[in-house]
C-alpha atoms as a PDB file:
ATOM      1  CA  MET A   1      25.050  82.700 -19.428  1.00  0.00           C
ATOM      2  CA  GLU A   2      21.569  80.949 -18.462  1.00  0.00           C
ATOM      3  CA  LEU A   3      18.600  81.210 -20.201  1.00  0.00           C
ATOM      4  CA  PRO A   4      16.005  82.933 -17.990  1.00  0.00           C
ATOM      5  CA  SER A   5      12.837  81.431 -17.214  1.00  0.00           C
ATOM      6  CA  SER A   6      10.315  84.187 -18.399  1.00  0.00           C
ATOM      7  CA  ASP A   7       8.761  83.787 -21.971  1.00  0.00           C
ATOM      8  CA  ASN A   8       6.942  86.745 -22.148  1.00  0.00           C
ATOM      9  CA  ALA A   9       9.295  89.268 -23.637  1.00  0.00           C
ATOM     10  CA  GLU A  10      12.005  89.146 -26.307  1.00  0.00           C
ATOM     11  CA  HIS A  11      15.211  88.273 -24.689  1.00  0.00           C
ATOM     12  CA  ARG A  12      18.450  90.256 -25.940  1.00  0.00           C
ATOM     13  CA  GLN A  13      22.238  90.105 -25.731  1.00  0.00           C
ATOM     14  CA  SER A  14      23.799  93.628 -25.652  1.00  0.00           C
ATOM     15  CA  ILE A  15      27.523  94.330 -25.393  1.00  0.00           C
ATOM     16  CA  PHE A  16      28.486  97.609 -23.808  1.00  0.00           C
ATOM     17  CA  SER A  17      32.004  99.351 -24.364  1.00  0.00           C
ATOM     18  CA  ILE A  18      32.959 100.728 -21.063  1.00  0.00           C
ATOM     19  CA  PRO A  19      36.463 102.384 -21.815  1.00  0.00           C
ATOM     20  CA  LYS A  20      37.138 103.314 -18.118  1.00  0.00           C
ATOM     21  CA  MET A  21      36.415  99.844 -16.777  1.00  0.00           C
ATOM     22  CA  ASP A  22      40.098  98.878 -16.038  1.00  0.00           C
ATOM     23  CA  CYS A  23      39.921  97.063 -12.599  1.00  0.00           C
ATOM     24  CA  PRO A  24      37.408  94.967 -10.404  1.00  0.00           C
ATOM     25  CA  SER A  25      36.198  97.680  -8.528  1.00  0.00           C
ATOM     26  CA  GLU A  26      34.507  99.057 -11.667  1.00  0.00           C
ATOM     27  CA  GLU A  27      33.285  95.508 -12.237  1.00  0.00           C
ATOM     28  CA  ASN A  28      31.528  95.519  -8.734  1.00  0.00           C
ATOM     29  CA  LEU A  29      30.159  99.136  -9.281  1.00  0.00           C
ATOM     30  CA  ILE A  30      28.306  97.986 -12.540  1.00  0.00           C
ATOM     31  CA  ARG A  31      27.129  94.866 -10.734  1.00  0.00           C
ATOM     32  CA  MET A  32      25.543  97.124  -8.080  1.00  0.00           C
ATOM     33  CA  ALA A  33      24.265  99.652 -10.569  1.00  0.00           C
ATOM     34  CA  LEU A  34      22.416  96.782 -12.623  1.00  0.00           C
ATOM     35  CA  GLY A  35      21.348  94.905  -9.018  1.00  0.00           C
ATOM     36  CA  ASN A  36      18.072  96.312  -9.278  1.00  0.00           C
ATOM     37  CA  GLU A  37      17.323  96.476 -12.929  1.00  0.00           C
ATOM     38  CA  SER A  38      14.601  93.556 -13.116  1.00  0.00           C
ATOM     39  CA  SER A  39      15.183  92.862 -16.817  1.00  0.00           C
ATOM     40  CA  VAL A  40      18.904  91.928 -16.622  1.00  0.00           C
ATOM     41  CA  THR A  41      19.131  88.124 -16.461  1.00  0.00           C
ATOM     42  CA  SER A  42      23.210  87.816 -16.541  1.00  0.00           C
ATOM     43  CA  LEU A  43      26.383  89.662 -16.722  1.00  0.00           C
ATOM     44  CA  ALA A  44      29.428  88.604 -18.295  1.00  0.00           C
ATOM     45  CA  PHE A  45      32.602  91.002 -18.093  1.00  0.00           C
ATOM     46  CA  ASP A  46      36.017  91.203 -20.146  1.00  0.00           C
ATOM     47  CA  LEU A  47      38.207  93.500 -18.422  1.00  0.00           C
ATOM     48  CA  GLY A  48      41.178  93.096 -20.760  1.00  0.00           C
ATOM     49  CA  LYS A  49      38.611  94.442 -23.539  1.00  0.00           C
ATOM     50  CA  ARG A  50      36.929  96.905 -21.232  1.00  0.00           C
ATOM     51  CA  LYS A  51      33.512  95.252 -22.202  1.00  0.00           C
ATOM     52  CA  VAL A  52      30.201  93.930 -20.632  1.00  0.00           C
ATOM     53  CA  THR A  53      27.943  91.616 -21.982  1.00  0.00           C
ATOM     54  CA  VAL A  54      24.380  91.794 -20.702  1.00  0.00           C
ATOM     55  CA  THR A  55      21.422  89.169 -21.296  1.00  0.00           C
ATOM     56  CA  HIS A  56      18.140  91.205 -20.769  1.00  0.00           C
ATOM     57  CA  GLN A  57      14.813  91.126 -21.801  1.00  0.00           C
ATOM     58  CA  GLY A  58      13.494  94.258 -23.818  1.00  0.00           C
ATOM     59  CA  ALA A  59      15.404  97.341 -25.054  1.00  0.00           C
ATOM     60  CA  PRO A  60      18.853  98.107 -23.772  1.00  0.00           C
ATOM     61  CA  ASP A  61      18.067 101.652 -23.097  1.00  0.00           C
ATOM     62  CA  PRO A  62      17.208 101.393 -19.401  1.00  0.00           C
ATOM     63  CA  ILE A  63      20.454  99.288 -18.845  1.00  0.00           C
ATOM     64  CA  LEU A  64      22.555 102.181 -20.639  1.00  0.00           C
ATOM     65  CA  ALA A  65      20.639 104.714 -18.434  1.00  0.00           C
ATOM     66  CA  ARG A  66      21.996 102.779 -15.223  1.00  0.00           C
ATOM     67  CA  LEU A  67      25.529 102.820 -16.490  1.00  0.00           C
ATOM     68  CA  GLN A  68      26.033 106.113 -17.604  1.00  0.00           C
ATOM     69  CA  PRO A  69      26.018 107.994 -14.072  1.00  0.00           C
ATOM     70  CA  LEU A  70      28.773 105.806 -13.206  1.00  0.00           C
ATOM     71  CA  LYS A  71      30.956 108.146 -15.760  1.00  0.00           C
ATOM     72  CA  LEU A  72      32.886 105.141 -17.034  1.00  0.00           C
ATOM     73  CA  GLY A  73      32.288 106.331 -20.610  1.00  0.00           C
ATOM     74  CA  THR A  74      29.840 103.567 -21.129  1.00  0.00           C
ATOM     75  CA  VAL A  75      28.357 103.401 -24.890  1.00  0.00           C
ATOM     76  CA  LEU A  76      26.131 100.700 -26.144  1.00  0.00           C
ATOM     77  CA  GLN A  77      28.320  98.740 -28.964  1.00  0.00           C
ATOM     78  CA  GLU A  78      25.614  96.114 -30.229  1.00  0.00           C
ATOM     79  CA  SER A  79      22.585  94.682 -29.203  1.00  0.00           C
ATOM     80  CA  GLN A  80      20.904  91.236 -30.743  1.00  0.00           C
ATOM     81  CA  VAL A  81      17.836  89.314 -30.218  1.00  0.00           C
ATOM     82  CA  LEU A  82      18.561  85.917 -28.642  1.00  0.00           C
ATOM     83  CA  PHE A  83      15.125  84.403 -28.720  1.00  0.00           C
ATOM     84  CA  SER A  84      11.390  85.276 -28.018  1.00  0.00           C
ATOM     85  CA  GLN A  85       8.698  83.044 -27.204  1.00  0.00           C
ATOM     86  CA  ALA A  86       7.993  81.906 -30.626  1.00  0.00           C
ATOM     87  CA  THR A  87      11.656  80.586 -30.993  1.00  0.00           C
ATOM     88  CA  ARG A  88      12.380  79.284 -27.680  1.00  0.00           C
ATOM     89  CA  SER A  89      11.113  75.961 -28.395  1.00  0.00           C
ATOM     90  CA  ASN A  90      14.286  75.523 -30.759  1.00  0.00           C
ATOM     91  CA  PHE A  91      16.803  75.908 -28.488  1.00  0.00           C
ATOM     92  CA  ARG A  92      18.352  72.596 -26.630  1.00  0.00           C
ATOM     93  CA  LYS A  93      20.677  72.322 -23.672  1.00  0.00           C
ATOM     94  CA  SER A  94      23.631  69.784 -24.375  1.00  0.00           C
ATOM     95  CA  THR A  95      26.326  68.874 -21.849  1.00  0.00           C
ATOM     96  CA  PHE A  96      29.549  67.620 -23.320  1.00  0.00           C
ATOM     97  CA  ALA A  97      32.304  65.665 -21.532  1.00  0.00           C
ATOM     98  CA  VAL A  98      35.864  66.809 -22.709  1.00  0.00           C
ATOM     99  CA  PRO A  99      38.276  64.815 -20.413  1.00  0.00           C
ATOM    100  CA  LYS A 100      41.255  66.358 -21.790  1.00  0.00           C
ATOM    101  CA  MET A 101      39.857  69.859 -20.808  1.00  0.00           C
ATOM    102  CA  ASP A 102      42.163  70.751 -17.654  1.00  0.00           C
ATOM    103  CA  CYS A 103      43.060  74.444 -18.033  1.00  0.00           C
ATOM    104  CA  PRO A 104      42.096  77.722 -19.696  1.00  0.00           C
ATOM    105  CA  SER A 105      44.048  77.039 -23.069  1.00  0.00           C
ATOM    106  CA  GLU A 106      41.861  74.166 -23.831  1.00  0.00           C
ATOM    107  CA  GLU A 107      38.855  76.654 -22.902  1.00  0.00           C
ATOM    108  CA  ASN A 108      39.864  79.071 -25.369  1.00  0.00           C
ATOM    109  CA  MET A 109      40.170  76.241 -28.164  1.00  0.00           C
ATOM    110  CA  ILE A 110      36.889  75.546 -27.728  1.00  0.00           C
ATOM    111  CA  ARG A 111      35.704  78.967 -27.958  1.00  0.00           C
ATOM    112  CA  MET A 112      37.380  79.378 -31.088  1.00  0.00           C
ATOM    113  CA  ALA A 113      36.239  76.398 -32.393  1.00  0.00           C
ATOM    114  CA  LEU A 114      32.673  76.995 -32.028  1.00  0.00           C
ATOM    115  CA  GLY A 115      32.986  80.811 -32.639  1.00  0.00           C
ATOM    116  CA  ASP A 116      31.600  80.679 -35.941  1.00  0.00           C
ATOM    117  CA  LEU A 117      28.567  78.797 -35.243  1.00  0.00           C
ATOM    118  CA  SER A 118      25.913  81.173 -35.431  1.00  0.00           C
ATOM    119  CA  ASP A 119      23.316  78.906 -33.696  1.00  0.00           C
ATOM    120  CA  ILE A 120      25.094  78.638 -30.301  1.00  0.00           C
ATOM    121  CA  ARG A 121      23.787  81.245 -27.927  1.00  0.00           C
ATOM    122  CA  SER A 122      25.788  80.321 -24.675  1.00  0.00           C
ATOM    123  CA  LEU A 123      28.850  78.556 -23.376  1.00  0.00           C
ATOM    124  CA  SER A 124      29.515  77.171 -19.741  1.00  0.00           C
ATOM    125  CA  PHE A 125      32.850  76.050 -18.666  1.00  0.00           C
ATOM    126  CA  ASP A 126      33.268  73.672 -15.747  1.00  0.00           C
ATOM    127  CA  LEU A 127      36.885  73.173 -15.804  1.00  0.00           C
ATOM    128  CA  SER A 128      37.358  70.878 -12.476  1.00  0.00           C
ATOM    129  CA  MET A 129      34.479  68.689 -13.866  1.00  0.00           C
ATOM    130  CA  ARG A 130      36.215  68.695 -17.520  1.00  0.00           C
ATOM    131  CA  GLU A 131      32.490  69.617 -18.613  1.00  0.00           C
ATOM    132  CA  VAL A 132      31.023  72.422 -21.106  1.00  0.00           C
ATOM    133  CA  VAL A 133      27.230  73.283 -21.446  1.00  0.00           C
ATOM    134  CA  ILE A 134      26.323  74.604 -24.581  1.00  0.00           C
ATOM    135  CA  VAL A 135      22.803  76.220 -25.191  1.00  0.00           C
ATOM    136  CA  HIS A 136      22.256  76.111 -29.101  1.00  0.00           C
ATOM    137  CA  ARG A 137      19.803  75.646 -31.935  1.00  0.00           C
ATOM    138  CA  GLY A 138      19.035  72.448 -33.645  1.00  0.00           C
ATOM    139  CA  ASP A 139      21.046  68.989 -33.348  1.00  0.00           C
ATOM    140  CA  ALA A 140      23.902  68.547 -30.957  1.00  0.00           C
ATOM    141  CA  ASP A 141      25.772  66.605 -33.704  1.00  0.00           C
ATOM    142  CA  ALA A 142      27.159  69.702 -35.332  1.00  0.00           C
ATOM    143  CA  VAL A 143      28.452  71.048 -32.351  1.00  0.00           C
ATOM    144  CA  LEU A 144      30.072  67.591 -31.477  1.00  0.00           C
ATOM    145  CA  THR A 145      31.794  67.350 -34.761  1.00  0.00           C
ATOM    146  CA  ARG A 146      33.511  70.765 -34.162  1.00  0.00           C
ATOM    147  CA  LEU A 147      34.734  69.654 -30.710  1.00  0.00           C
ATOM    148  CA  GLY A 148      35.818  66.317 -32.178  1.00  0.00           C
ATOM    149  CA  ARG A 149      38.107  68.066 -34.179  1.00  0.00           C
ATOM    150  CA  LEU A 150      40.334  69.178 -31.395  1.00  0.00           C
ATOM    151  CA  ASN A 151      41.236  65.778 -29.903  1.00  0.00           C
ATOM    152  CA  LEU A 152      39.997  66.404 -26.400  1.00  0.00           C
ATOM    153  CA  GLY A 153      38.056  63.596 -26.104  1.00  0.00           C
ATOM    154  CA  ALA A 154      34.528  65.228 -26.350  1.00  0.00           C
ATOM    155  CA  VAL A 155      31.679  63.085 -26.021  1.00  0.00           C
ATOM    156  CA  LEU A 156      27.884  64.128 -25.677  1.00  0.00           C
ATOM    157  CA  ARG A 157      26.472  63.405 -22.414  1.00  0.00           C
ATOM    158  CA  GLU A 158      22.928  64.681 -22.773  1.00  0.00           C
ATOM    159  CA  SER A 159      20.686  67.078 -24.696  1.00  0.00           C
ATOM    160  CA  VAL A 160      17.515  68.240 -23.958  1.00  0.00           C
ATOM    161  CA  PRO A 161      14.829  70.740 -24.994  1.00  0.00           C
ATOM    162  CA  VAL A 162      15.377  74.251 -23.144  1.00  0.00           C
ATOM    163  CA  SER A 163      12.308  74.875 -20.983  1.00  0.00           C
ATOM    164  CA  ALA A 164      11.402  77.602 -18.688  1.00  0.00           C
ATOM    165  CA  GLY A 165      13.494  77.443 -15.276  1.00  0.00           C
ATOM    166  CA  GLN A 166      15.543  74.734 -16.515  1.00  0.00           C
ATOM    167  CA  GLY A 167      18.782  76.303 -15.720  1.00  0.00           C
ATOM    168  CA  THR A 168      17.926  76.895 -12.172  1.00  0.00           C
ATOM    169  CA  ALA A 169      19.716  73.541 -11.077  1.00  0.00           C
ATOM    170  CA  VAL A 170      22.942  74.393 -12.494  1.00  0.00           C
ATOM    171  CA  THR A 171      22.787  77.855 -11.224  1.00  0.00           C
ATOM    172  CA  LYS A 172      22.143  76.893  -7.805  1.00  0.00           C
ATOM    173  CA  ASP A 173      24.840  74.255  -7.803  1.00  0.00           C
ATOM    174  CA  GLU A 174      27.271  76.913  -8.986  1.00  0.00           C
ATOM    175  CA  ASP A 175      26.115  79.603  -6.483  1.00  0.00           C
ATOM    176  CA  ALA A 176      26.697  77.133  -3.723  1.00  0.00           C
ATOM    177  CA  ALA A 177      30.152  76.435  -4.553  1.00  0.00           C
ATOM    178  CA  GLU A 178      30.792  80.064  -4.947  1.00  0.00           C
ATOM    179  CA  ALA A 179      29.241  80.921  -1.436  1.00  0.00           C
ATOM    180  CA  GLY A 180      31.271  78.219   0.139  1.00  0.00           C
ATOM    181  CA  THR A 181      34.315  79.907  -0.784  1.00  0.00           C
ATOM    182  CA  LEU A 182      33.210  83.353  -0.338  1.00  0.00           C
ATOM    183  CA  ARG A 183      32.234  82.518   3.257  1.00  0.00           C
ATOM    184  CA  ILE A 184      35.884  81.506   3.867  1.00  0.00           C
ATOM    185  CA  LEU A 185      37.283  84.699   1.933  1.00  0.00           C
ATOM    186  CA  LEU A 186      34.987  86.729   4.219  1.00  0.00           C
ATOM    187  CA  ALA A 187      36.228  85.146   7.274  1.00  0.00           C
ATOM    188  CA  ILE A 188      39.801  85.500   6.479  1.00  0.00           C
ATOM    189  CA  ASN A 189      39.233  89.042   5.463  1.00  0.00           C
ATOM    190  CA  GLY A 190      37.043  89.845   8.589  1.00  0.00           C
ATOM    191  CA  LEU A 191      39.805  88.712  10.863  1.00  0.00           C
ATOM    192  CA  MET A 192      42.910  90.192   9.222  1.00  0.00           C
ATOM    193  CA  PHE A 193      40.791  93.451   9.533  1.00  0.00           C
ATOM    194  CA  VAL A 194      40.371  93.254  12.986  1.00  0.00           C
ATOM    195  CA  PHE A 195      44.064  92.005  13.476  1.00  0.00           C
ATOM    196  CA  GLU A 196      45.879  94.475  11.364  1.00  0.00           C
ATOM    197  CA  LEU A 197      43.876  97.535  12.739  1.00  0.00           C
ATOM    198  CA  VAL A 198      44.527  96.575  16.748  1.00  0.00           C
ATOM    199  CA  LEU A 199      48.276  95.969  15.775  1.00  0.00           C
ATOM    200  CA  GLY A 200      48.349  98.781  13.538  1.00  0.00           C
ATOM    201  CA  LEU A 201      47.400 101.131  16.309  1.00  0.00           C
ATOM    202  CA  PHE A 202      49.753  99.573  18.722  1.00  0.00           C
ATOM    203  CA  ALA A 203      52.742  99.787  16.129  1.00  0.00           C
ATOM    204  CA  GLN A 204      51.568 103.232  15.302  1.00  0.00           C
ATOM    205  CA  SER A 205      51.782 102.176  11.619  1.00  0.00           C
ATOM    206  CA  THR A 206      49.173 104.215   9.155  1.00  0.00           C
ATOM    207  CA  GLY A 207      50.219 101.315   6.567  1.00  0.00           C
ATOM    208  CA  LEU A 208      48.690  98.468   8.629  1.00  0.00           C
ATOM    209  CA  ILE A 209      45.801 100.680   9.542  1.00  0.00           C
ATOM    210  CA  ALA A 210      45.095 101.472   5.759  1.00  0.00           C
ATOM    211  CA  ASP A 211      45.832  97.941   5.015  1.00  0.00           C
ATOM    212  CA  SER A 212      43.287  96.661   7.450  1.00  0.00           C
ATOM    213  CA  LEU A 213      40.832  98.684   6.060  1.00  0.00           C
ATOM    214  CA  ASP A 214      41.902  97.250   2.433  1.00  0.00           C
ATOM    215  CA  MET A 215      40.846  93.864   4.199  1.00  0.00           C
ATOM    216  CA  PHE A 216      37.497  95.430   5.154  1.00  0.00           C
ATOM    217  CA  ALA A 217      36.787  96.719   1.846  1.00  0.00           C
ATOM    218  CA  ASP A 218      37.120  92.919   0.438  1.00  0.00           C
ATOM    219  CA  ALA A 219      35.243  91.562   3.313  1.00  0.00           C
ATOM    220  CA  ALA A 220      32.358  93.948   2.567  1.00  0.00           C
ATOM    221  CA  VAL A 221      32.216  92.944  -0.771  1.00  0.00           C
ATOM    222  CA  TYR A 222      32.356  89.185  -0.078  1.00  0.00           C
ATOM    223  CA  GLY A 223      29.555  90.036   2.795  1.00  0.00           C
ATOM    224  CA  LEU A 224      27.506  91.725   0.352  1.00  0.00           C
ATOM    225  CA  ALA A 225      27.695  88.926  -2.237  1.00  0.00           C
ATOM    226  CA  LEU A 226      26.416  86.469   0.341  1.00  0.00           C
ATOM    227  CA  TYR A 227      23.819  88.786   1.971  1.00  0.00           C
ATOM    228  CA  ALA A 228      22.321  89.500  -1.331  1.00  0.00           C
ATOM    229  CA  VAL A 229      21.596  85.962  -2.446  1.00  0.00           C
ATOM    230  CA  GLY A 230      18.191  85.262  -2.635  1.00  0.00           C
ATOM    231  CA  LYS A 231      17.240  88.651  -1.407  1.00  0.00           C
ATOM    232  CA  ALA A 232      15.286  91.741  -3.224  1.00  0.00           C
ATOM    233  CA  ALA A 233      17.232  93.988  -5.247  1.00  0.00           C
ATOM    234  CA  SER A 234      16.388  96.963  -3.340  1.00  0.00           C
ATOM    235  CA  MET A 235      18.010  95.200  -0.233  1.00  0.00           C
ATOM    236  CA  LYS A 236      21.159  94.512  -2.034  1.00  0.00           C
ATOM    237  CA  SER A 237      21.394  98.336  -3.142  1.00  0.00           C
ATOM    238  CA  ARG A 238      20.816  99.296   0.424  1.00  0.00           C
ATOM    239  CA  ALA A 239      23.374  96.855   1.910  1.00  0.00           C
ATOM    240  CA  ALA A 240      26.123  98.213  -0.693  1.00  0.00           C
ATOM    241  CA  HIS A 241      25.405 101.688   0.507  1.00  0.00           C
ATOM    242  CA  VAL A 242      25.733 100.765   4.068  1.00  0.00           C
ATOM    243  CA  ALA A 243      29.089  99.272   3.356  1.00  0.00           C
ATOM    244  CA  GLY A 244      30.155 102.009   1.523  1.00  0.00           C
ATOM    245  CA  TRP A 245      29.338 104.587   4.268  1.00  0.00           C
ATOM    246  CA  LEU A 246      31.303 102.549   6.760  1.00  0.00           C
ATOM    247  CA  GLN A 247      34.122 101.988   4.289  1.00  0.00           C
ATOM    248  CA  LEU A 248      34.018 105.849   3.964  1.00  0.00           C
ATOM    249  CA  ILE A 249      34.007 106.621   7.689  1.00  0.00           C
ATOM    250  CA  LEU A 250      37.029 104.109   8.235  1.00  0.00           C
ATOM    251  CA  ALA A 251      39.086 105.832   5.225  1.00  0.00           C
ATOM    252  CA  VAL A 252      38.622 109.172   6.368  1.00  0.00           C
ATOM    253  CA  GLY A 253      39.849 107.923  10.075  1.00  0.00           C
ATOM    254  CA  ALA A 254      42.769 106.183   8.413  1.00  0.00           C
ATOM    255  CA  LEU A 255      43.798 109.609   6.485  1.00  0.00           C
ATOM    256  CA  SER A 256      43.202 111.683   9.465  1.00  0.00           C
ATOM    257  CA  GLU A 257      45.688 109.471  11.516  1.00  0.00           C
ATOM    258  CA  VAL A 258      48.068 109.777   8.796  1.00  0.00           C
ATOM    259  CA  VAL A 259      47.688 113.679   8.979  1.00  0.00           C
ATOM    260  CA  ARG A 260      47.909 113.654  12.744  1.00  0.00           C
ATOM    261  CA  ARG A 261      51.095 111.612  12.859  1.00  0.00           C
ATOM    262  CA  PHE A 262      52.555 113.733  10.270  1.00  0.00           C
ATOM    263  CA  ILE A 263      52.081 116.935  12.278  1.00  0.00           C
ATOM    264  CA  PHE A 264      52.855 115.466  15.664  1.00  0.00           C
ATOM    265  CA  GLY A 265      55.340 112.676  14.719  1.00  0.00           C
ATOM    266  CA  SER A 266      55.244 109.094  15.122  1.00  0.00           C
ATOM    267  CA  GLU A 267      57.515 106.140  15.575  1.00  0.00           C
ATOM    268  CA  PRO A 268      56.319 103.208  13.679  1.00  0.00           C
ATOM    269  CA  GLU A 269      57.678  99.814  14.593  1.00  0.00           C
ATOM    270  CA  SER A 270      59.198  98.220  11.786  1.00  0.00           C
ATOM    271  CA  THR A 271      59.617  94.837  13.129  1.00  0.00           C
ATOM    272  CA  LEU A 272      55.757  94.860  13.829  1.00  0.00           C
ATOM    273  CA  MET A 273      55.132  96.351  10.294  1.00  0.00           C
ATOM    274  CA  MET A 274      56.904  93.833   8.482  1.00  0.00           C
ATOM    275  CA  GLY A 275      55.593  90.835  10.721  1.00  0.00           C
ATOM    276  CA  VAL A 276      51.956  91.781  10.422  1.00  0.00           C
ATOM    277  CA  GLY A 277      52.518  92.584   6.699  1.00  0.00           C
ATOM    278  CA  LEU A 278      53.896  88.841   6.265  1.00  0.00           C
ATOM    279  CA  ILE A 279      50.932  87.561   8.156  1.00  0.00           C
ATOM    280  CA  ALA A 280      48.457  89.507   5.814  1.00  0.00           C
ATOM    281  CA  LEU A 281      50.422  88.277   2.613  1.00  0.00           C
ATOM    282  CA  VAL A 282      50.061  84.536   3.796  1.00  0.00           C
ATOM    283  CA  ALA A 283      46.122  85.220   4.610  1.00  0.00           C
ATOM    284  CA  ASN A 284      45.875  86.840   0.996  1.00  0.00           C
ATOM    285  CA  VAL A 285      48.029  84.294  -0.716  1.00  0.00           C
ATOM    286  CA  THR A 286      45.417  81.934   1.042  1.00  0.00           C
ATOM    287  CA  CYS A 287      42.621  83.575  -0.324  1.00  0.00           C
ATOM    288  CA  LEU A 288      44.223  83.692  -3.991  1.00  0.00           C
ATOM    289  CA  VAL A 289      44.795  79.876  -3.966  1.00  0.00           C
ATOM    290  CA  LEU A 290      40.937  79.260  -2.956  1.00  0.00           C
ATOM    291  CA  ILE A 291      39.805  81.491  -5.813  1.00  0.00           C
ATOM    292  CA  SER A 292      42.058  80.420  -8.329  1.00  0.00           C
ATOM    293  CA  LYS A 293      40.336  76.825  -8.002  1.00  0.00           C
ATOM    294  CA  LYS A 294      36.951  78.336  -8.888  1.00  0.00           C
ATOM    295  CA  ARG A 295      37.916  81.523 -11.068  1.00  0.00           C
ATOM    296  CA  ASP A 296      36.863  79.568 -14.341  1.00  0.00           C
ATOM    297  CA  ARG A 297      33.116  79.553 -12.917  1.00  0.00           C
ATOM    298  CA  GLY A 298      32.676  83.047 -14.144  1.00  0.00           C
ATOM    299  CA  ALA A 299      33.613  86.653 -14.339  1.00  0.00           C
ATOM    300  CA  HIS A 300      32.704  87.381 -10.572  1.00  0.00           C
ATOM    301  CA  MET A 301      35.177  84.902  -9.169  1.00  0.00           C
ATOM    302  CA  THR A 302      37.723  86.188 -11.548  1.00  0.00           C
ATOM    303  CA  ALA A 303      37.068  89.474 -10.380  1.00  0.00           C
ATOM    304  CA  SER A 304      37.506  88.229  -6.823  1.00  0.00           C
ATOM    305  CA  TYR A 305      40.748  86.426  -7.904  1.00  0.00           C
ATOM    306  CA  ILE A 306      42.041  89.922  -9.146  1.00  0.00           C
ATOM    307  CA  PHE A 307      41.077  91.401  -5.884  1.00  0.00           C
ATOM    308  CA  SER A 308      43.262  89.122  -3.720  1.00  0.00           C
ATOM    309  CA  ALA A 309      46.027  89.834  -6.211  1.00  0.00           C
ATOM    310  CA  ASN A 310      45.877  93.522  -5.630  1.00  0.00           C
ATOM    311  CA  ASP A 311      45.785  92.814  -1.938  1.00  0.00           C
ATOM    312  CA  VAL A 312      49.282  90.649  -2.158  1.00  0.00           C
ATOM    313  CA  ILE A 313      50.918  93.869  -3.754  1.00  0.00           C
ATOM    314  CA  ALA A 314      49.279  95.971  -1.085  1.00  0.00           C
ATOM    315  CA  ASN A 315      50.662  93.769   1.570  1.00  0.00           C
ATOM    316  CA  LEU A 316      54.195  93.610  -0.293  1.00  0.00           C
ATOM    317  CA  GLY A 317      54.181  97.744  -0.112  1.00  0.00           C
ATOM    318  CA  VAL A 318      53.695  97.506   3.692  1.00  0.00           C
ATOM    319  CA  ILE A 319      56.479  95.247   4.142  1.00  0.00           C
ATOM    320  CA  ALA A 320      58.692  97.327   2.085  1.00  0.00           C
ATOM    321  CA  ALA A 321      57.669 100.389   3.891  1.00  0.00           C
ATOM    322  CA  GLY A 322      58.411  98.548   7.178  1.00  0.00           C
ATOM    323  CA  ILE A 323      62.179  97.872   5.700  1.00  0.00           C
ATOM    324  CA  LEU A 324      62.659 101.446   4.607  1.00  0.00           C
ATOM    325  CA  VAL A 325      61.480 102.593   8.105  1.00  0.00           C
ATOM    326  CA  ALA A 326      63.913 100.100   9.557  1.00  0.00           C
ATOM    327  CA  TRP A 327      66.805 101.543   7.233  1.00  0.00           C
ATOM    328  CA  THR A 328      66.069 105.232   7.300  1.00  0.00           C
ATOM    329  CA  GLN A 329      64.749 105.583  10.908  1.00  0.00           C
ATOM    330  CA  SER A 330      61.895 107.607   9.362  1.00  0.00           C
ATOM    331  CA  PRO A 331      58.276 107.391   9.794  1.00  0.00           C
ATOM    332  CA  TYR A 332      57.880 108.918   6.187  1.00  0.00           C
ATOM    333  CA  PRO A 333      57.598 105.643   4.159  1.00  0.00           C
ATOM    334  CA  ASP A 334      54.888 104.200   6.600  1.00  0.00           C
ATOM    335  CA  LEU A 335      52.974 107.391   6.022  1.00  0.00           C
ATOM    336  CA  VAL A 336      53.510 107.262   2.189  1.00  0.00           C
ATOM    337  CA  ILE A 337      52.014 103.827   1.756  1.00  0.00           C
ATOM    338  CA  GLY A 338      49.176 104.731   4.442  1.00  0.00           C
ATOM    339  CA  THR A 339      48.243 107.483   2.153  1.00  0.00           C
ATOM    340  CA  ILE A 340      48.241 105.627  -0.814  1.00  0.00           C
ATOM    341  CA  ILE A 341      46.062 102.874   0.606  1.00  0.00           C
ATOM    342  CA  GLY A 342      43.873 105.240   2.219  1.00  0.00           C
ATOM    343  CA  VAL A 343      42.970 107.081  -0.913  1.00  0.00           C
ATOM    344  CA  ILE A 344      42.264 103.877  -2.736  1.00  0.00           C
ATOM    345  CA  VAL A 345      39.624 102.860  -0.133  1.00  0.00           C
ATOM    346  CA  LEU A 346      38.141 106.370   0.108  1.00  0.00           C
ATOM    347  CA  ASN A 347      37.878 106.483  -3.891  1.00  0.00           C
ATOM    348  CA  GLY A 348      36.078 102.944  -3.812  1.00  0.00           C
ATOM    349  CA  ALA A 349      33.572 104.483  -1.024  1.00  0.00           C
ATOM    350  CA  ARG A 350      32.836 107.245  -2.935  1.00  0.00           C
ATOM    351  CA  ARG A 351      31.956 105.548  -5.976  1.00  0.00           C
ATOM    352  CA  ILE A 352      30.050 102.993  -4.284  1.00  0.00           C
ATOM    353  CA  LEU A 353      27.816 105.947  -2.622  1.00  0.00           C
ATOM    354  CA  GLN A 354      27.132 107.678  -6.027  1.00  0.00           C
ATOM    355  CA  LEU A 355      25.377 104.707  -6.957  1.00  0.00           C
ATOM    356  CA  ARG A 356      21.459 105.034  -7.057  1.00  0.00           C
END
């Protein structure tokens, strides 16, 4: 969480409980729903506990009003003042080098060690650089003392007063690193969408056609994230709806193809299904490896990691359907997997288009 640059209003941290937020698609819905809410300065998601922590200016009511139409059961759990214009000058931003912090277990150790320090306002970890940036009140020695007890070799690198716009450089560096990874992911998913769609039509496989739409859905998410960087919130919302409509049209087309092939019959090429499914599997595993290197940079990259993990499961489903088609000499396994993936993509498009 970065401190916002504006000093003109009270800054708060509000925690919302969202019982129906159980996968990354809901996280992206929430990001888009709050995309044009100017008071929001940062979002932190915890899918395991089904909570989202929002740093914002002013009261939490406008944020709650944005989240409730998503019908995810959102309720405000707590909201507390972080700082105001009068207290901002009391905060410092300290960077600690932690040489032995090389995996998430050390990150969790640090979080627990500092958990009861009320003066700490935010923690930002960079596992690759083995650094932790802490925004806190008072002197950095108290924080360093806690870190020293963990025997991770922690040393204070710098500690400076927080001022307006100070977090910008760090945020831009992180955004640039994430953007580079997202461009690669966008290229892989975009190419695989075309590849699977063409060969799916040739192989008469609804499973491959539907899986290609899953690739498109991911490409749309990555493309939207890149397109929205540096643009107005209204442009982000407009882009989301365009992606939603295109995704809806393609999903309806895929499900129509399932119905058509069910009525008139089909002869899916099991060999092509398995071969293309295997190539798609390699592509998604590659995406998984790329994201895993940056998944510690925030909830958004963690969500992208989960997206690719889910895609791997879908690819395995297509391969399994191809094996069953070859074994049973029946098109029904292909129709079943095509229907399952098509419905998932269709539901995602519907929920995006429900956003205001």
